[in-house]
N, C-alpha and C. Protein backbone atom coordinates (compact mmCIF):
# COMPACT_ATOMS: atom_id res chain seq x y z
N MET A 1 7.71 11.65 -2.64
CA MET A 1 7.44 10.17 -2.96
C MET A 1 8.21 9.17 -2.64
N THR A 2 7.96 7.96 -2.15
CA THR A 2 8.75 7.40 -1.54
C THR A 2 8.53 5.89 -2.45
N GLU A 3 9.56 5.40 -2.53
CA GLU A 3 9.13 3.90 -3.64
C GLU A 3 9.25 2.88 -2.42
N VAL A 4 8.72 1.98 -2.79
CA VAL A 4 8.36 0.54 -2.40
C VAL A 4 9.06 -0.46 -2.90
N GLU A 5 9.78 -0.75 -3.09
CA GLU A 5 10.73 -2.11 -3.79
C GLU A 5 10.15 -3.29 -3.67
N ILE A 6 9.49 -3.86 -4.39
CA ILE A 6 9.58 -5.64 -4.62
C ILE A 6 9.77 -6.23 -5.32
N THR A 7 10.66 -7.71 -5.03
CA THR A 7 10.94 -8.48 -5.82
C THR A 7 9.83 -9.40 -6.67
N THR A 8 8.52 -9.53 -6.46
CA THR A 8 7.46 -10.14 -7.14
C THR A 8 6.88 -9.37 -8.21
N GLU A 9 6.17 -9.92 -8.76
CA GLU A 9 5.41 -9.36 -10.05
C GLU A 9 3.93 -8.26 -9.54
N TYR A 10 3.49 -8.90 -8.15
CA TYR A 10 2.53 -7.59 -7.38
C TYR A 10 2.68 -7.91 -5.86
N ILE A 11 2.27 -7.12 -4.85
CA ILE A 11 2.01 -7.22 -3.59
C ILE A 11 0.77 -6.81 -3.27
N ALA A 12 -0.11 -7.60 -2.35
CA ALA A 12 -0.96 -7.04 -1.89
C ALA A 12 -1.09 -5.96 -1.06
N LEU A 13 -2.44 -5.17 -0.99
CA LEU A 13 -2.37 -3.93 0.08
C LEU A 13 -2.11 -4.04 1.27
N GLY A 14 -2.22 -5.23 1.67
CA GLY A 14 -1.79 -5.62 3.35
C GLY A 14 -0.25 -5.37 3.57
N GLN A 15 -0.11 -6.38 2.72
CA GLN A 15 1.83 -6.47 2.83
C GLN A 15 2.30 -5.39 2.40
N PHE A 16 1.60 -4.71 1.51
CA PHE A 16 2.23 -3.05 1.35
C PHE A 16 2.69 -2.13 2.36
N LEU A 17 1.58 -2.13 3.18
CA LEU A 17 1.06 -1.43 4.38
C LEU A 17 2.22 -1.99 5.00
N LYS A 18 2.53 -2.81 5.65
CA LYS A 18 3.74 -3.48 6.43
C LYS A 18 4.75 -3.15 5.88
N LEU A 19 5.14 -3.39 4.68
CA LEU A 19 6.52 -3.12 3.75
C LEU A 19 6.56 -1.64 3.66
N SER A 20 5.84 -0.63 4.00
CA SER A 20 6.15 0.75 3.64
C SER A 20 6.06 1.14 4.88
N GLY A 21 5.92 0.37 5.98
CA GLY A 21 6.14 1.16 7.21
C GLY A 21 4.92 2.07 7.80
N CYS A 22 3.64 1.75 7.17
CA CYS A 22 2.29 2.15 7.88
C CYS A 22 1.72 1.82 8.94
N ILE A 23 1.93 0.23 8.75
CA ILE A 23 1.30 -0.54 10.05
C ILE A 23 2.84 -1.33 10.72
N ASP A 24 2.96 -1.88 11.86
CA ASP A 24 3.73 -2.81 12.33
C ASP A 24 3.66 -4.10 12.11
N THR A 25 2.24 -4.88 11.93
CA THR A 25 2.15 -6.08 11.78
C THR A 25 0.84 -6.48 10.48
N GLY A 26 1.01 -7.06 9.94
CA GLY A 26 0.17 -7.68 8.92
C GLY A 26 -1.26 -7.36 9.67
N GLY A 27 -1.41 -8.23 10.49
CA GLY A 27 -2.37 -8.19 11.18
C GLY A 27 -3.44 -7.39 11.17
N ALA A 28 -2.83 -5.82 11.65
CA ALA A 28 -3.06 -4.68 11.81
C ALA A 28 -3.46 -4.00 10.44
N ALA A 29 -3.83 -4.46 9.47
CA ALA A 29 -3.78 -4.07 7.66
C ALA A 29 -5.72 -3.95 8.06
N LYS A 30 -6.46 -5.06 8.57
CA LYS A 30 -7.92 -4.64 8.01
C LYS A 30 -8.10 -3.68 9.33
N PHE A 31 -7.88 -3.24 10.61
CA PHE A 31 -8.23 -2.30 11.29
C PHE A 31 -7.83 -0.73 10.89
N PHE A 32 -6.36 -0.95 10.14
CA PHE A 32 -6.19 0.23 9.21
C PHE A 32 -6.77 0.39 8.56
N LEU A 33 -7.05 -0.20 7.31
CA LEU A 33 -7.97 0.36 6.42
C LEU A 33 -9.25 0.98 6.56
N GLN A 34 -9.75 0.02 7.51
CA GLN A 34 -11.16 0.65 7.96
C GLN A 34 -11.00 1.99 8.60
N ASP A 35 -9.97 2.39 8.82
CA ASP A 35 -9.99 3.97 9.15
C ASP A 35 -9.24 5.18 7.81
N ALA A 36 -8.46 4.36 7.57
CA ALA A 36 -7.66 5.50 6.81
C ALA A 36 -8.08 5.57 5.49
N GLU A 37 -7.70 6.63 4.69
CA GLU A 37 -7.67 6.72 3.64
C GLU A 37 -6.84 6.65 2.44
N VAL A 38 -7.21 5.66 1.49
CA VAL A 38 -5.99 5.17 0.75
C VAL A 38 -6.52 5.33 -1.04
N MET A 39 -5.67 5.73 -1.51
CA MET A 39 -5.91 6.62 -3.07
C MET A 39 -4.79 5.24 -3.51
N ILE A 40 -5.32 4.84 -4.70
CA ILE A 40 -4.71 3.63 -5.28
C ILE A 40 -4.94 4.20 -6.79
N ASN A 41 -3.85 4.95 -7.34
CA ASN A 41 -4.01 5.68 -8.90
C ASN A 41 -4.96 6.07 -9.20
N GLY A 42 -5.30 7.25 -7.58
CA GLY A 42 -6.20 8.18 -7.96
C GLY A 42 -7.63 7.83 -7.62
N GLU A 43 -7.51 6.31 -7.12
CA GLU A 43 -9.16 6.06 -6.70
C GLU A 43 -9.38 5.55 -5.29
N ALA A 44 -10.16 5.71 -5.18
CA ALA A 44 -10.14 4.80 -2.99
C ALA A 44 -10.24 3.65 -3.23
N ASP A 45 -9.24 2.99 -2.66
CA ASP A 45 -9.77 1.39 -2.02
C ASP A 45 -9.22 1.01 -0.93
N ASN A 46 -10.30 0.24 -0.28
CA ASN A 46 -9.43 -0.51 1.10
C ASN A 46 -9.54 -2.06 1.06
N ARG A 47 -9.16 -2.44 -0.12
CA ARG A 47 -9.21 -3.94 -0.23
C ARG A 47 -8.05 -4.25 0.29
N ARG A 48 -7.84 -5.41 1.61
CA ARG A 48 -6.48 -5.54 1.74
C ARG A 48 -5.87 -6.42 0.88
N GLY A 49 -6.33 -7.18 0.31
CA GLY A 49 -6.54 -7.92 -0.85
C GLY A 49 -5.69 -7.25 -2.18
N ARG A 50 -6.12 -6.54 -2.13
CA ARG A 50 -5.82 -5.56 -3.99
C ARG A 50 -4.44 -5.36 -4.23
N LYS A 51 -4.35 -5.52 -5.39
CA LYS A 51 -2.97 -6.32 -6.10
C LYS A 51 -2.37 -4.77 -6.42
N LEU A 52 -1.05 -4.46 -6.34
CA LEU A 52 -0.48 -3.35 -6.48
C LEU A 52 0.67 -3.72 -7.52
N TYR A 53 0.98 -3.32 -8.53
CA TYR A 53 2.02 -3.70 -9.46
C TYR A 53 2.77 -3.01 -9.71
N ASN A 54 4.05 -2.76 -10.45
CA ASN A 54 5.05 -2.12 -10.52
C ASN A 54 4.60 -0.47 -11.24
N GLY A 55 4.70 0.97 -10.47
CA GLY A 55 4.50 1.72 -11.44
C GLY A 55 2.72 2.15 -10.36
N ASP A 56 2.55 1.68 -9.73
CA ASP A 56 1.26 1.83 -9.10
C ASP A 56 1.66 3.22 -7.89
N ARG A 57 0.70 4.19 -7.59
CA ARG A 57 1.20 4.84 -6.66
C ARG A 57 -0.10 4.78 -5.81
N VAL A 58 0.62 5.02 -3.95
CA VAL A 58 -0.71 4.71 -3.57
C VAL A 58 -0.44 6.27 -2.78
N GLU A 59 -1.31 6.81 -2.46
CA GLU A 59 -1.57 7.74 -1.50
C GLU A 59 -2.21 7.71 -0.11
N ILE A 60 -1.62 7.36 0.81
CA ILE A 60 -2.04 7.38 2.33
C ILE A 60 -2.35 8.51 3.19
N LYS A 61 -3.18 8.96 3.40
CA LYS A 61 -3.49 10.30 4.06
C LYS A 61 -3.14 10.40 5.52
N GLY A 62 -1.80 10.94 5.50
CA GLY A 62 -1.14 11.02 7.00
C GLY A 62 -0.32 10.14 6.99
N HIS A 63 0.12 9.76 5.93
CA HIS A 63 1.50 8.72 5.70
C HIS A 63 2.39 8.91 4.48
N GLY A 64 1.94 9.62 3.44
CA GLY A 64 2.46 10.13 2.86
C GLY A 64 2.09 9.51 0.82
N LEU A 65 2.70 9.60 -0.34
CA LEU A 65 2.66 9.38 -1.68
C LEU A 65 3.53 8.18 -1.68
N PHE A 66 3.30 6.87 -2.14
CA PHE A 66 4.13 5.96 -2.42
C PHE A 66 4.41 5.56 -3.74
N THR A 67 5.45 4.94 -4.29
CA THR A 67 4.76 4.24 -5.54
C THR A 67 5.49 2.82 -5.84
N VAL A 68 4.87 1.74 -5.96
CA VAL A 68 5.30 0.62 -5.91
C VAL A 68 6.71 0.19 -7.14
N VAL A 69 8.06 -0.31 -6.78
CA VAL A 69 9.13 -0.68 -7.83
C VAL A 69 8.97 -1.82 -8.20
N LYS A 70 9.35 -2.31 -9.04
CA LYS A 70 9.86 -3.72 -8.81
C LYS A 70 11.22 -3.85 -9.75
N ARG A 71 11.86 -4.47 -8.43
CA ARG A 71 13.41 -4.55 -8.80
C ARG A 71 14.15 -6.19 -8.98
């Protein structure tokens, strides 16, 4: 499991994908989420504006398991 560190209260899923290295640019998030299977805390979700908070677990098929950590 990889920790993705944030300094704000939350991060949007689209920004998270870039920060975690799953995509290269924020503009690619929409297209990435159309094809990728994303599970957030065990539930499927593909909304790029979905807010992720400290402790949320994100599993992206083919990319791994991530945890959001606020510092």
